[in-house]
Each structure stands twice: as structure tokens, then as C-alpha cells.
Amino acid sequence: MFAKKEVAHIVVAILVLSLAISIWNFEILFYALASVFFIVFANIVAKNISAYYFEAEIESKIWEIYRYGLLGVLSKSYFSVHPSRKFKKPVPIGAFLPIITSLVSLGYFTWFSALVFDVKPKSYRAAKRHGLYSFSEMTEEHIGYIAAFGILANLLFAIIGYFIGFELFAKLNIYYAFFNILPLSDLDGNKIFFGNIVLWSFLAALILIGMGYVFLIV
């Protein structure tokens, strides 16, 4: 299901996020590792299942930026006409941003997103087994739906975690969904935003409700 390179990227992301969470309190390192593993795994598996429906495959990887400056993080389109603002090699920002933000903020703020994904349409996408649709190409809307399934999986796990008494696990799912819904660079939120802005707005509203629970109720 996963290529060796993809597995390596996923493992790095899990370790980085777990360390960022527990860097000021190593007593919760094991709990952080277990929680982040299930959070990331649920997100990726949900996207793989939805990709299967669209006759495509996804490959998760560490979030990288290719150009410098604020707009290099926000969007790629700006640099299509400004090719000079480009790093010699892509910078794996997802591998260090969570830890840096946690260190600088003394643990009060952690960037909780490290992975992005690429979509690879299968050579034959007629989707006969579904008997409903025939796809000719992978559109932005299709990619947005795939990304949305990952977000929905985390929201579902947040609800489950809350009702079975694992509040930290529930919170971490909300955090993960929140940072991944942001319409930046190659993050899932950007794919959803440009694929279906109505769907993005709906998911963003749900996540904001969850964030309200995290900050106001708890």
C-alpha cells in the first residue's frame, strides 16, 4: 500500500509532531507518539480510500517549499511568473517547523502539520467497478474531495476520543484538522479550497467549532 520512501516520510512526520508536542514535557512522549500515529494513519488511510474511488493513488510526503519569501509558503502561482525566487533544493519545512514553533513559543503554540500528498491517476480510470461515473482526468475538485476525506476522518476521531474519555487525543485531532485545512501552499486545505470552496467552508466551520471547544470549554 505504501512505498518505502513514503513510509519514511510518514515516520519522520510522526516523530517530528510527537517531539514538538512533548518537547516541554517528555512524560507524555509515549502518549504523543501513539496519538499522532493514529491521527496521521487515519488521515492517510481515509485519503487512500477516497482516492481508490476516483481511480487514483496518493503518495504522502513531507511538506516542502520551493521558493523563498512569504508568498512561497502561501502559494505557488505567484512564482510561476517570478522564477528567480527559488531555492536550489526544496526545503522540507514540515520536518522542522513544528519543533521550531514549539520551542519558540515555549510549548504554547505548535504548527501541527507536516505532510502533504501528491495524486497519481491510474492509467485506466473508466471506473467500471463503480458503475456510476467515467473519469477522463483528475480534476482539482476530485483532489479536493480526496483531501477532505482525511479531514473528516480526523474530525470523526476527535468525536470518538472525546466520548471515550481521551480528551488530549480529541484535541490533537482537532489541531491536526485545523492546520491542514489552512489554504496554504500544498496543504490539504489548499486542495479543498480550490477544488470546492463550499466544502472547504463547511469543513472550516466544523473545525472552528471544535477549536472553540478546545479553547473555551476546556
N, C-alpha and C. Protein backbone atom coordinates (compact mmCIF):
# COMPACT_ATOMS: atom_id res chain seq x y z
N MET A 1 0.82 -1.20 0.00
CA MET A 1 0.00 0.00 0.00
C MET A 1 0.86 1.26 0.00
N PHE A 2 2.00 1.22 0.74
CA PHE A 2 2.87 2.38 0.83
C PHE A 2 4.26 2.03 0.30
N ALA A 3 4.85 2.95 -0.46
CA ALA A 3 6.21 2.78 -0.92
C ALA A 3 7.17 3.06 0.24
N LYS A 4 8.40 2.55 0.13
CA LYS A 4 9.38 2.71 1.21
C LYS A 4 9.66 4.19 1.47
N LYS A 5 9.79 4.97 0.42
CA LYS A 5 10.06 6.39 0.59
C LYS A 5 8.90 7.08 1.30
N GLU A 6 7.68 6.69 0.93
CA GLU A 6 6.51 7.28 1.55
C GLU A 6 6.45 6.93 3.03
N VAL A 7 6.74 5.68 3.36
CA VAL A 7 6.76 5.25 4.76
C VAL A 7 7.77 6.06 5.55
N ALA A 8 8.93 6.30 4.96
CA ALA A 8 9.97 7.08 5.64
C ALA A 8 9.48 8.50 5.93
N HIS A 9 8.80 9.10 4.98
CA HIS A 9 8.26 10.46 5.17
C HIS A 9 7.20 10.47 6.28
N ILE A 10 6.35 9.46 6.28
CA ILE A 10 5.29 9.39 7.29
C ILE A 10 5.89 9.21 8.69
N VAL A 11 6.90 8.34 8.80
CA VAL A 11 7.56 8.11 10.08
C VAL A 11 8.21 9.39 10.59
N VAL A 12 8.89 10.11 9.70
CA VAL A 12 9.53 11.37 10.08
C VAL A 12 8.48 12.35 10.59
N ALA A 13 7.37 12.45 9.89
CA ALA A 13 6.30 13.38 10.29
C ALA A 13 5.76 13.03 11.67
N ILE A 14 5.53 11.74 11.92
CA ILE A 14 5.01 11.30 13.22
C ILE A 14 5.99 11.63 14.34
N LEU A 15 7.28 11.37 14.10
CA LEU A 15 8.29 11.65 15.11
C LEU A 15 8.42 13.15 15.37
N VAL A 16 8.40 13.93 14.31
CA VAL A 16 8.53 15.39 14.46
C VAL A 16 7.36 15.97 15.23
N LEU A 17 6.15 15.59 14.86
CA LEU A 17 4.96 16.11 15.54
C LEU A 17 4.91 15.65 17.00
N SER A 18 5.28 14.40 17.25
CA SER A 18 5.28 13.88 18.62
C SER A 18 6.30 14.61 19.48
N LEU A 19 7.47 14.86 18.93
CA LEU A 19 8.51 15.58 19.67
C LEU A 19 8.08 17.02 19.93
N ALA A 20 7.46 17.63 18.94
CA ALA A 20 7.02 19.02 19.10
C ALA A 20 5.99 19.14 20.22
N ILE A 21 5.11 18.14 20.33
CA ILE A 21 4.08 18.16 21.37
C ILE A 21 4.69 17.98 22.76
N SER A 22 5.66 17.07 22.85
CA SER A 22 6.17 16.66 24.17
C SER A 22 7.51 17.28 24.54
N ILE A 23 8.02 18.19 23.72
CA ILE A 23 9.37 18.71 23.94
C ILE A 23 9.51 19.44 25.27
N TRP A 24 8.42 19.97 25.80
CA TRP A 24 8.44 20.65 27.10
C TRP A 24 7.89 19.77 28.21
N ASN A 25 7.52 18.54 27.85
CA ASN A 25 7.01 17.60 28.85
C ASN A 25 7.20 16.18 28.33
N PHE A 26 8.40 15.64 28.54
CA PHE A 26 8.72 14.33 27.97
C PHE A 26 7.93 13.20 28.61
N GLU A 27 7.23 13.48 29.69
CA GLU A 27 6.42 12.44 30.31
C GLU A 27 5.28 11.98 29.41
N ILE A 28 4.88 12.83 28.48
CA ILE A 28 3.76 12.46 27.60
C ILE A 28 4.25 12.00 26.22
N LEU A 29 5.56 11.75 26.08
CA LEU A 29 6.12 11.38 24.78
C LEU A 29 5.47 10.13 24.22
N PHE A 30 5.33 9.08 25.04
CA PHE A 30 4.74 7.84 24.55
C PHE A 30 3.28 8.06 24.11
N TYR A 31 2.53 8.80 24.95
CA TYR A 31 1.14 9.10 24.62
C TYR A 31 1.07 9.92 23.34
N ALA A 32 2.00 10.87 23.19
CA ALA A 32 2.03 11.71 21.98
C ALA A 32 2.32 10.87 20.75
N LEU A 33 3.27 9.95 20.86
CA LEU A 33 3.61 9.08 19.74
C LEU A 33 2.41 8.24 19.31
N ALA A 34 1.74 7.63 20.29
CA ALA A 34 0.59 6.78 19.98
C ALA A 34 -0.54 7.60 19.36
N SER A 35 -0.78 8.78 19.92
CA SER A 35 -1.87 9.63 19.42
C SER A 35 -1.59 10.11 18.01
N VAL A 36 -0.38 10.63 17.78
CA VAL A 36 -0.03 11.15 16.46
C VAL A 36 -0.05 10.05 15.42
N PHE A 37 0.40 8.85 15.81
CA PHE A 37 0.38 7.72 14.87
C PHE A 37 -1.04 7.47 14.37
N PHE A 38 -2.00 7.38 15.29
CA PHE A 38 -3.38 7.10 14.89
C PHE A 38 -4.00 8.27 14.13
N ILE A 39 -3.62 9.49 14.49
CA ILE A 39 -4.14 10.68 13.81
C ILE A 39 -3.68 10.71 12.36
N VAL A 40 -2.38 10.55 12.15
CA VAL A 40 -1.81 10.58 10.81
C VAL A 40 -2.29 9.37 10.00
N PHE A 41 -2.31 8.20 10.64
CA PHE A 41 -2.72 6.98 9.95
C PHE A 41 -4.17 7.09 9.48
N ALA A 42 -5.05 7.59 10.35
CA ALA A 42 -6.46 7.74 9.98
C ALA A 42 -6.62 8.70 8.81
N ASN A 43 -5.88 9.80 8.84
CA ASN A 43 -5.94 10.79 7.77
C ASN A 43 -5.50 10.20 6.44
N ILE A 44 -4.39 9.50 6.45
CA ILE A 44 -3.84 8.95 5.20
C ILE A 44 -4.69 7.81 4.66
N VAL A 45 -5.14 6.93 5.53
CA VAL A 45 -5.97 5.81 5.08
C VAL A 45 -7.28 6.32 4.48
N ALA A 46 -7.89 7.31 5.11
CA ALA A 46 -9.13 7.88 4.58
C ALA A 46 -8.91 8.46 3.18
N LYS A 47 -7.79 9.13 2.99
CA LYS A 47 -7.49 9.69 1.66
C LYS A 47 -7.20 8.60 0.64
N ASN A 48 -6.56 7.53 1.08
CA ASN A 48 -6.31 6.41 0.17
C ASN A 48 -7.61 5.75 -0.27
N ILE A 49 -8.54 5.62 0.67
CA ILE A 49 -9.84 5.00 0.34
C ILE A 49 -10.60 5.87 -0.67
N SER A 50 -10.60 7.18 -0.45
CA SER A 50 -11.30 8.07 -1.38
C SER A 50 -10.60 8.11 -2.73
N ALA A 51 -9.26 8.03 -2.72
CA ALA A 51 -8.51 8.01 -3.98
C ALA A 51 -8.85 6.76 -4.79
N TYR A 52 -9.04 5.66 -4.10
CA TYR A 52 -9.43 4.41 -4.76
C TYR A 52 -10.73 4.59 -5.53
N TYR A 53 -11.67 5.32 -4.94
CA TYR A 53 -12.95 5.58 -5.60
C TYR A 53 -12.75 6.39 -6.89
N PHE A 54 -11.79 7.31 -6.87
CA PHE A 54 -11.54 8.15 -8.03
C PHE A 54 -10.50 7.55 -8.98
N GLU A 55 -10.23 6.25 -8.82
CA GLU A 55 -9.29 5.56 -9.69
C GLU A 55 -7.93 6.26 -9.69
N ALA A 56 -7.45 6.56 -8.50
CA ALA A 56 -6.18 7.25 -8.38
C ALA A 56 -5.41 6.69 -7.18
N GLU A 57 -4.18 7.07 -7.07
CA GLU A 57 -3.34 6.70 -5.94
C GLU A 57 -2.73 7.97 -5.37
N ILE A 58 -2.52 7.99 -4.06
CA ILE A 58 -1.87 9.14 -3.45
C ILE A 58 -0.53 8.73 -2.85
N GLU A 59 0.35 9.68 -2.75
CA GLU A 59 1.65 9.45 -2.11
C GLU A 59 1.90 10.60 -1.14
N SER A 60 1.98 10.27 0.14
CA SER A 60 2.23 11.27 1.17
C SER A 60 3.71 11.56 1.27
N LYS A 61 4.03 12.79 1.58
CA LYS A 61 5.43 13.20 1.70
C LYS A 61 5.53 14.40 2.64
N ILE A 62 6.74 14.66 3.11
CA ILE A 62 6.97 15.82 3.96
C ILE A 62 6.69 17.09 3.18
N TRP A 63 6.02 18.03 3.82
CA TRP A 63 5.71 19.31 3.20
C TRP A 63 6.99 20.07 2.88
N GLU A 64 7.14 20.45 1.60
CA GLU A 64 8.33 21.17 1.14
C GLU A 64 7.92 22.51 0.52
N ILE A 65 8.80 23.48 0.63
CA ILE A 65 8.61 24.73 -0.10
C ILE A 65 9.76 24.89 -1.07
N TYR A 66 9.47 25.47 -2.21
CA TYR A 66 10.44 25.55 -3.29
C TYR A 66 10.96 26.97 -3.53
N ARG A 67 10.24 27.96 -3.00
CA ARG A 67 10.64 29.36 -3.19
C ARG A 67 10.69 30.06 -1.85
N TYR A 68 11.47 31.10 -1.76
CA TYR A 68 11.58 31.84 -0.51
C TYR A 68 10.64 33.03 -0.48
N GLY A 69 10.44 33.56 0.72
CA GLY A 69 9.50 34.65 0.90
C GLY A 69 8.16 34.14 1.39
N LEU A 70 7.37 35.05 1.94
CA LEU A 70 6.06 34.68 2.47
C LEU A 70 5.17 34.05 1.41
N LEU A 71 5.21 34.60 0.20
CA LEU A 71 4.36 34.07 -0.86
C LEU A 71 4.79 32.68 -1.29
N GLY A 72 6.02 32.31 -0.98
CA GLY A 72 6.48 30.97 -1.28
C GLY A 72 5.77 29.93 -0.43
N VAL A 73 5.35 30.35 0.76
CA VAL A 73 4.60 29.47 1.64
C VAL A 73 3.12 29.52 1.31
N LEU A 74 2.63 30.70 0.98
CA LEU A 74 1.21 30.88 0.75
C LEU A 74 0.73 30.25 -0.54
N SER A 75 1.52 30.36 -1.61
CA SER A 75 1.03 29.92 -2.91
C SER A 75 2.18 29.64 -3.85
N LYS A 76 1.92 28.80 -4.83
CA LYS A 76 2.90 28.52 -5.88
C LYS A 76 2.68 29.40 -7.11
N SER A 77 1.47 29.87 -7.31
CA SER A 77 1.11 30.57 -8.54
C SER A 77 1.93 31.84 -8.73
N TYR A 78 2.24 32.55 -7.63
CA TYR A 78 2.98 33.80 -7.73
C TYR A 78 4.32 33.59 -8.41
N PHE A 79 4.94 32.44 -8.14
CA PHE A 79 6.28 32.22 -8.63
C PHE A 79 6.33 31.63 -10.04
N SER A 80 5.17 31.36 -10.60
CA SER A 80 5.16 30.94 -11.99
C SER A 80 5.62 32.09 -12.88
N VAL A 81 5.48 33.34 -12.36
CA VAL A 81 5.94 34.50 -13.12
C VAL A 81 7.14 35.15 -12.44
N HIS A 82 7.60 34.58 -11.32
CA HIS A 82 8.78 35.07 -10.62
C HIS A 82 9.71 33.88 -10.32
N PRO A 83 10.23 33.24 -11.36
CA PRO A 83 11.03 32.02 -11.17
C PRO A 83 12.35 32.24 -10.46
N SER A 84 12.79 33.48 -10.32
CA SER A 84 14.09 33.72 -9.69
C SER A 84 14.07 33.44 -8.19
N ARG A 85 12.91 33.57 -7.56
CA ARG A 85 12.81 33.36 -6.11
C ARG A 85 12.66 31.86 -5.82
N LYS A 86 13.73 31.13 -6.04
CA LYS A 86 13.65 29.69 -5.92
C LYS A 86 14.87 29.16 -5.19
N PHE A 87 14.64 28.24 -4.24
CA PHE A 87 15.74 27.59 -3.55
C PHE A 87 16.45 26.63 -4.51
N LYS A 88 17.73 26.40 -4.25
CA LYS A 88 18.46 25.42 -5.07
C LYS A 88 17.89 24.03 -4.86
N LYS A 89 17.47 23.74 -3.61
CA LYS A 89 16.83 22.47 -3.30
C LYS A 89 15.57 22.77 -2.47
N PRO A 90 14.53 21.95 -2.62
CA PRO A 90 13.32 22.15 -1.82
C PRO A 90 13.64 22.09 -0.33
N VAL A 91 13.00 22.94 0.44
CA VAL A 91 13.21 22.97 1.89
C VAL A 91 12.09 22.17 2.57
N PRO A 92 12.44 21.09 3.29
CA PRO A 92 11.40 20.27 3.96
C PRO A 92 10.87 20.95 5.21
N ILE A 93 10.09 21.97 5.01
CA ILE A 93 9.62 22.79 6.13
C ILE A 93 8.79 21.99 7.13
N GLY A 94 8.11 20.96 6.65
CA GLY A 94 7.31 20.13 7.55
C GLY A 94 8.12 19.34 8.54
N ALA A 95 9.41 19.18 8.28
CA ALA A 95 10.27 18.39 9.16
C ALA A 95 10.83 19.19 10.33
N PHE A 96 10.73 20.52 10.28
CA PHE A 96 11.29 21.30 11.39
C PHE A 96 10.38 22.41 11.91
N LEU A 97 9.39 22.85 11.13
CA LEU A 97 8.52 23.94 11.58
C LEU A 97 7.76 23.60 12.87
N PRO A 98 7.21 22.37 13.01
CA PRO A 98 6.52 22.05 14.27
C PRO A 98 7.43 22.20 15.50
N ILE A 99 8.66 21.72 15.39
CA ILE A 99 9.58 21.78 16.53
C ILE A 99 10.00 23.22 16.82
N ILE A 100 10.28 23.99 15.77
CA ILE A 100 10.69 25.38 15.95
C ILE A 100 9.59 26.19 16.61
N THR A 101 8.37 26.04 16.15
CA THR A 101 7.26 26.81 16.72
C THR A 101 7.03 26.43 18.18
N SER A 102 7.19 25.16 18.51
CA SER A 102 7.01 24.72 19.89
C SER A 102 8.11 25.28 20.79
N LEU A 103 9.35 25.28 20.29
CA LEU A 103 10.47 25.80 21.07
C LEU A 103 10.34 27.30 21.29
N VAL A 104 10.06 28.03 20.24
CA VAL A 104 9.99 29.49 20.32
C VAL A 104 8.84 29.94 21.22
N SER A 105 7.73 29.23 21.18
CA SER A 105 6.55 29.62 21.96
C SER A 105 6.51 28.99 23.34
N LEU A 106 7.58 28.26 23.69
CA LEU A 106 7.64 27.56 24.98
C LEU A 106 6.51 26.54 25.13
N GLY A 107 6.11 25.97 24.00
CA GLY A 107 5.09 24.94 24.02
C GLY A 107 3.67 25.43 23.93
N TYR A 108 3.46 26.74 23.85
CA TYR A 108 2.11 27.28 23.80
C TYR A 108 1.53 27.25 22.38
N PHE A 109 2.39 27.12 21.39
CA PHE A 109 1.91 27.06 20.01
C PHE A 109 2.78 26.08 19.22
N THR A 110 2.14 25.17 18.55
CA THR A 110 2.86 24.19 17.73
C THR A 110 2.20 24.08 16.37
N TRP A 111 2.99 24.31 15.34
CA TRP A 111 2.47 24.11 13.99
C TRP A 111 2.25 22.62 13.81
N PHE A 112 1.00 22.21 13.61
CA PHE A 112 0.67 20.78 13.67
C PHE A 112 0.34 20.21 12.30
N SER A 113 1.20 20.50 11.34
CA SER A 113 1.04 19.93 10.01
C SER A 113 2.41 19.68 9.41
N ALA A 114 2.64 18.49 8.89
CA ALA A 114 3.96 18.15 8.36
C ALA A 114 3.91 17.44 7.02
N LEU A 115 2.75 16.90 6.66
CA LEU A 115 2.64 16.10 5.45
C LEU A 115 1.74 16.75 4.40
N VAL A 116 2.05 16.48 3.14
CA VAL A 116 1.18 16.82 2.02
C VAL A 116 1.08 15.56 1.17
N PHE A 117 0.32 15.61 0.10
CA PHE A 117 0.22 14.43 -0.75
C PHE A 117 0.13 14.81 -2.22
N ASP A 118 0.63 13.91 -3.05
CA ASP A 118 0.50 14.02 -4.50
C ASP A 118 -0.50 12.98 -4.98
N VAL A 119 -1.19 13.29 -6.04
CA VAL A 119 -2.17 12.38 -6.62
C VAL A 119 -1.64 11.85 -7.95
N LYS A 120 -1.72 10.54 -8.11
CA LYS A 120 -1.30 9.91 -9.36
C LYS A 120 -2.47 9.14 -9.94
N PRO A 121 -3.10 9.67 -10.99
CA PRO A 121 -4.22 8.95 -11.61
C PRO A 121 -3.74 7.62 -12.18
N LYS A 122 -4.55 6.60 -12.03
CA LYS A 122 -4.21 5.32 -12.64
C LYS A 122 -4.34 5.44 -14.15
N SER A 123 -3.62 4.60 -14.86
CA SER A 123 -3.61 4.69 -16.31
C SER A 123 -5.00 4.47 -16.91
N TYR A 124 -5.81 3.69 -16.22
CA TYR A 124 -7.17 3.45 -16.73
C TYR A 124 -8.16 3.87 -15.66
N ARG A 125 -8.93 4.91 -15.93
CA ARG A 125 -9.83 5.46 -14.91
C ARG A 125 -11.29 5.37 -15.32
N ALA A 126 -11.66 4.39 -16.10
CA ALA A 126 -13.06 4.29 -16.52
C ALA A 126 -13.97 3.88 -15.37
N ALA A 127 -13.38 3.33 -14.32
CA ALA A 127 -14.13 3.02 -13.09
C ALA A 127 -15.34 2.12 -13.34
N LYS A 128 -15.12 1.02 -14.05
CA LYS A 128 -16.23 0.13 -14.37
C LYS A 128 -16.83 -0.49 -13.11
N ARG A 129 -15.98 -0.75 -12.11
CA ARG A 129 -16.50 -1.44 -10.94
C ARG A 129 -17.50 -0.58 -10.17
N HIS A 130 -17.46 0.73 -10.35
CA HIS A 130 -18.40 1.59 -9.65
C HIS A 130 -19.74 1.68 -10.39
N GLY A 131 -19.68 1.57 -11.70
CA GLY A 131 -20.91 1.59 -12.48
C GLY A 131 -21.67 2.90 -12.45
N LEU A 132 -21.00 3.98 -12.05
CA LEU A 132 -21.69 5.26 -11.93
C LEU A 132 -21.06 6.35 -12.78
N TYR A 133 -19.74 6.42 -12.74
CA TYR A 133 -19.07 7.52 -13.40
C TYR A 133 -17.93 7.02 -14.29
N SER A 134 -17.60 7.83 -15.25
CA SER A 134 -16.43 7.56 -16.08
C SER A 134 -15.56 8.80 -16.06
N PHE A 135 -14.38 8.68 -15.48
CA PHE A 135 -13.49 9.83 -15.32
C PHE A 135 -12.45 9.87 -16.43
N SER A 136 -12.25 11.03 -17.00
CA SER A 136 -11.25 11.17 -18.05
C SER A 136 -9.96 11.78 -17.53
N GLU A 137 -10.06 12.62 -16.49
CA GLU A 137 -8.87 13.24 -15.93
C GLU A 137 -9.11 13.57 -14.46
N MET A 138 -8.01 13.74 -13.72
CA MET A 138 -8.11 14.09 -12.31
C MET A 138 -8.25 15.60 -12.18
N THR A 139 -9.39 16.06 -11.73
CA THR A 139 -9.64 17.49 -11.62
C THR A 139 -9.28 17.99 -10.23
N GLU A 140 -9.24 19.33 -10.08
CA GLU A 140 -8.99 19.91 -8.76
C GLU A 140 -10.09 19.53 -7.78
N GLU A 141 -11.31 19.38 -8.28
CA GLU A 141 -12.42 19.01 -7.41
C GLU A 141 -12.24 17.60 -6.87
N HIS A 142 -11.80 16.68 -7.72
CA HIS A 142 -11.54 15.31 -7.27
C HIS A 142 -10.47 15.31 -6.19
N ILE A 143 -9.39 16.04 -6.41
CA ILE A 143 -8.29 16.11 -5.44
C ILE A 143 -8.79 16.72 -4.13
N GLY A 144 -9.65 17.72 -4.25
CA GLY A 144 -10.22 18.34 -3.06
C GLY A 144 -11.05 17.36 -2.24
N TYR A 145 -11.82 16.53 -2.91
CA TYR A 145 -12.62 15.52 -2.20
C TYR A 145 -11.71 14.53 -1.47
N ILE A 146 -10.63 14.13 -2.13
CA ILE A 146 -9.70 13.19 -1.51
C ILE A 146 -9.12 13.79 -0.23
N ALA A 147 -8.68 15.05 -0.31
CA ALA A 147 -8.13 15.72 0.87
C ALA A 147 -9.18 15.87 1.96
N ALA A 148 -10.42 16.13 1.57
CA ALA A 148 -11.50 16.34 2.54
C ALA A 148 -11.77 15.09 3.36
N PHE A 149 -11.63 13.93 2.75
CA PHE A 149 -11.86 12.69 3.48
C PHE A 149 -10.88 12.54 4.64
N GLY A 150 -9.65 13.01 4.46
CA GLY A 150 -8.68 12.96 5.54
C GLY A 150 -9.08 13.85 6.70
N ILE A 151 -9.54 15.04 6.38
CA ILE A 151 -10.01 15.98 7.41
C ILE A 151 -11.20 15.40 8.16
N LEU A 152 -12.15 14.84 7.42
CA LEU A 152 -13.34 14.25 8.04
C LEU A 152 -12.98 13.11 8.98
N ALA A 153 -11.98 12.31 8.59
CA ALA A 153 -11.53 11.21 9.44
C ALA A 153 -11.01 11.73 10.77
N ASN A 154 -10.26 12.82 10.74
CA ASN A 154 -9.74 13.39 11.98
C ASN A 154 -10.84 13.98 12.85
N LEU A 155 -11.84 14.60 12.23
CA LEU A 155 -12.97 15.12 12.99
C LEU A 155 -13.75 13.98 13.64
N LEU A 156 -13.91 12.88 12.93
CA LEU A 156 -14.60 11.72 13.48
C LEU A 156 -13.82 11.15 14.66
N PHE A 157 -12.51 11.04 14.53
CA PHE A 157 -11.68 10.52 15.62
C PHE A 157 -11.69 11.47 16.81
N ALA A 158 -11.81 12.76 16.55
CA ALA A 158 -11.90 13.73 17.65
C ALA A 158 -13.16 13.48 18.47
N ILE A 159 -14.27 13.24 17.78
CA ILE A 159 -15.54 12.97 18.47
C ILE A 159 -15.45 11.67 19.27
N ILE A 160 -14.88 10.64 18.64
CA ILE A 160 -14.73 9.35 19.33
C ILE A 160 -13.84 9.51 20.56
N GLY A 161 -12.71 10.20 20.40
CA GLY A 161 -11.80 10.41 21.51
C GLY A 161 -12.46 11.14 22.67
N TYR A 162 -13.28 12.12 22.34
CA TYR A 162 -13.98 12.88 23.38
C TYR A 162 -14.94 12.00 24.17
N PHE A 163 -15.72 11.18 23.48
CA PHE A 163 -16.74 10.38 24.15
C PHE A 163 -16.18 9.19 24.93
N ILE A 164 -14.97 8.74 24.57
CA ILE A 164 -14.38 7.63 25.33
C ILE A 164 -13.40 8.13 26.39
N GLY A 165 -13.31 9.44 26.55
CA GLY A 165 -12.52 10.00 27.63
C GLY A 165 -11.08 10.34 27.32
N PHE A 166 -10.68 10.28 26.04
CA PHE A 166 -9.31 10.64 25.67
C PHE A 166 -9.31 12.08 25.13
N GLU A 167 -9.36 13.04 26.03
CA GLU A 167 -9.53 14.43 25.63
C GLU A 167 -8.32 14.97 24.87
N LEU A 168 -7.10 14.60 25.29
CA LEU A 168 -5.91 15.08 24.59
C LEU A 168 -5.89 14.55 23.16
N PHE A 169 -6.26 13.29 22.99
CA PHE A 169 -6.34 12.70 21.65
C PHE A 169 -7.35 13.45 20.79
N ALA A 170 -8.49 13.79 21.40
CA ALA A 170 -9.52 14.54 20.68
C ALA A 170 -8.99 15.91 20.27
N LYS A 171 -8.30 16.59 21.20
CA LYS A 171 -7.75 17.91 20.90
C LYS A 171 -6.73 17.84 19.77
N LEU A 172 -5.86 16.84 19.81
CA LEU A 172 -4.81 16.74 18.80
C LEU A 172 -5.40 16.49 17.41
N ASN A 173 -6.50 15.74 17.35
CA ASN A 173 -7.19 15.55 16.07
C ASN A 173 -7.73 16.87 15.54
N ILE A 174 -8.28 17.68 16.44
CA ILE A 174 -8.79 19.00 16.04
C ILE A 174 -7.65 19.88 15.56
N TYR A 175 -6.53 19.89 16.30
CA TYR A 175 -5.37 20.68 15.89
C TYR A 175 -4.89 20.25 14.50
N TYR A 176 -4.80 18.94 14.30
CA TYR A 176 -4.31 18.42 13.02
C TYR A 176 -5.24 18.84 11.88
N ALA A 177 -6.54 18.74 12.13
CA ALA A 177 -7.51 19.15 11.12
C ALA A 177 -7.42 20.65 10.86
N PHE A 178 -7.24 21.43 11.94
CA PHE A 178 -7.18 22.89 11.80
C PHE A 178 -6.01 23.33 10.92
N PHE A 179 -4.82 22.83 11.20
CA PHE A 179 -3.65 23.26 10.43
C PHE A 179 -3.68 22.73 9.01
N ASN A 180 -4.28 21.57 8.82
CA ASN A 180 -4.34 21.03 7.46
C ASN A 180 -5.43 21.64 6.61
N ILE A 181 -6.42 22.30 7.25
CA ILE A 181 -7.48 22.95 6.47
C ILE A 181 -7.05 24.32 5.98
N LEU A 182 -5.94 24.84 6.48
CA LEU A 182 -5.47 26.16 6.05
C LEU A 182 -5.15 26.13 4.55
N PRO A 183 -5.65 27.09 3.78
CA PRO A 183 -5.41 27.10 2.33
C PRO A 183 -4.05 27.68 1.98
N LEU A 184 -3.00 26.96 2.37
CA LEU A 184 -1.63 27.41 2.14
C LEU A 184 -0.86 26.39 1.32
N SER A 185 -0.02 26.88 0.45
CA SER A 185 0.97 26.06 -0.26
C SER A 185 0.34 24.77 -0.78
N ASP A 186 0.91 23.62 -0.37
CA ASP A 186 0.45 22.32 -0.83
C ASP A 186 -0.39 21.59 0.21
N LEU A 187 -0.75 22.26 1.29
CA LEU A 187 -1.51 21.61 2.35
C LEU A 187 -2.88 21.17 1.84
N ASP A 188 -3.50 20.25 2.55
CA ASP A 188 -4.80 19.71 2.15
C ASP A 188 -5.83 20.82 1.98
N GLY A 189 -5.77 21.82 2.85
CA GLY A 189 -6.74 22.90 2.79
C GLY A 189 -6.72 23.64 1.47
N ASN A 190 -5.54 23.81 0.91
CA ASN A 190 -5.43 24.49 -0.38
C ASN A 190 -6.09 23.67 -1.48
N LYS A 191 -5.93 22.35 -1.42
CA LYS A 191 -6.54 21.47 -2.41
C LYS A 191 -8.06 21.51 -2.31
N ILE A 192 -8.56 21.52 -1.06
CA ILE A 192 -10.01 21.57 -0.87
C ILE A 192 -10.56 22.93 -1.28
N PHE A 193 -9.87 24.00 -0.90
CA PHE A 193 -10.32 25.36 -1.18
C PHE A 193 -10.50 25.58 -2.68
N PHE A 194 -9.52 25.17 -3.48
CA PHE A 194 -9.60 25.39 -4.93
C PHE A 194 -10.41 24.30 -5.63
N GLY A 195 -10.64 23.19 -4.94
CA GLY A 195 -11.45 22.14 -5.53
C GLY A 195 -12.93 22.35 -5.34
N ASN A 196 -13.30 22.81 -4.13
CA ASN A 196 -14.71 23.04 -3.83
C ASN A 196 -14.78 23.95 -2.61
N ILE A 197 -14.95 25.24 -2.84
CA ILE A 197 -14.89 26.22 -1.76
C ILE A 197 -16.06 26.04 -0.78
N VAL A 198 -17.19 25.53 -1.26
CA VAL A 198 -18.33 25.28 -0.37
C VAL A 198 -17.97 24.19 0.63
N LEU A 199 -17.36 23.13 0.13
CA LEU A 199 -16.92 22.04 1.01
C LEU A 199 -15.88 22.53 1.99
N TRP A 200 -14.93 23.34 1.50
CA TRP A 200 -13.91 23.90 2.40
C TRP A 200 -14.55 24.73 3.50
N SER A 201 -15.52 25.56 3.16
CA SER A 201 -16.19 26.41 4.13
C SER A 201 -16.92 25.58 5.18
N PHE A 202 -17.55 24.50 4.74
CA PHE A 202 -18.26 23.62 5.66
C PHE A 202 -17.30 22.97 6.64
N LEU A 203 -16.20 22.44 6.13
CA LEU A 203 -15.21 21.79 6.99
C LEU A 203 -14.56 22.79 7.93
N ALA A 204 -14.25 23.98 7.41
CA ALA A 204 -13.64 25.02 8.24
C ALA A 204 -14.57 25.41 9.38
N ALA A 205 -15.87 25.48 9.12
CA ALA A 205 -16.84 25.82 10.17
C ALA A 205 -16.87 24.75 11.25
N LEU A 206 -16.86 23.48 10.83
CA LEU A 206 -16.84 22.38 11.80
C LEU A 206 -15.58 22.43 12.67
N ILE A 207 -14.45 22.71 12.02
CA ILE A 207 -13.19 22.75 12.75
C ILE A 207 -13.15 23.92 13.72
N LEU A 208 -13.69 25.05 13.32
CA LEU A 208 -13.74 26.21 14.22
C LEU A 208 -14.61 25.92 15.44
N ILE A 209 -15.67 25.17 15.24
CA ILE A 209 -16.50 24.76 16.37
C ILE A 209 -15.67 23.89 17.32
N GLY A 210 -14.91 22.97 16.72
CA GLY A 210 -14.03 22.12 17.52
C GLY A 210 -12.97 22.92 18.25
N MET A 211 -12.40 23.92 17.58
CA MET A 211 -11.40 24.77 18.22
C MET A 211 -12.02 25.58 19.35
N GLY A 212 -13.27 25.97 19.18
CA GLY A 212 -13.97 26.67 20.25
C GLY A 212 -14.09 25.80 21.49
N TYR A 213 -14.36 24.50 21.26
CA TYR A 213 -14.42 23.57 22.38
C TYR A 213 -13.06 23.49 23.07
N VAL A 214 -12.01 23.42 22.30
CA VAL A 214 -10.66 23.27 22.85
C VAL A 214 -10.28 24.47 23.71
N PHE A 215 -10.56 25.69 23.22
CA PHE A 215 -10.06 26.90 23.89
C PHE A 215 -11.05 27.51 24.89
N LEU A 216 -12.35 27.30 24.69
CA LEU A 216 -13.32 27.97 25.54
C LEU A 216 -13.93 27.07 26.60
N ILE A 217 -14.16 25.83 26.24
CA ILE A 217 -14.83 24.93 27.16
C ILE A 217 -13.84 24.24 28.09
N VAL A 218 -12.74 23.77 27.52
CA VAL A 218 -11.78 23.01 28.33
C VAL A 218 -10.94 23.94 29.17
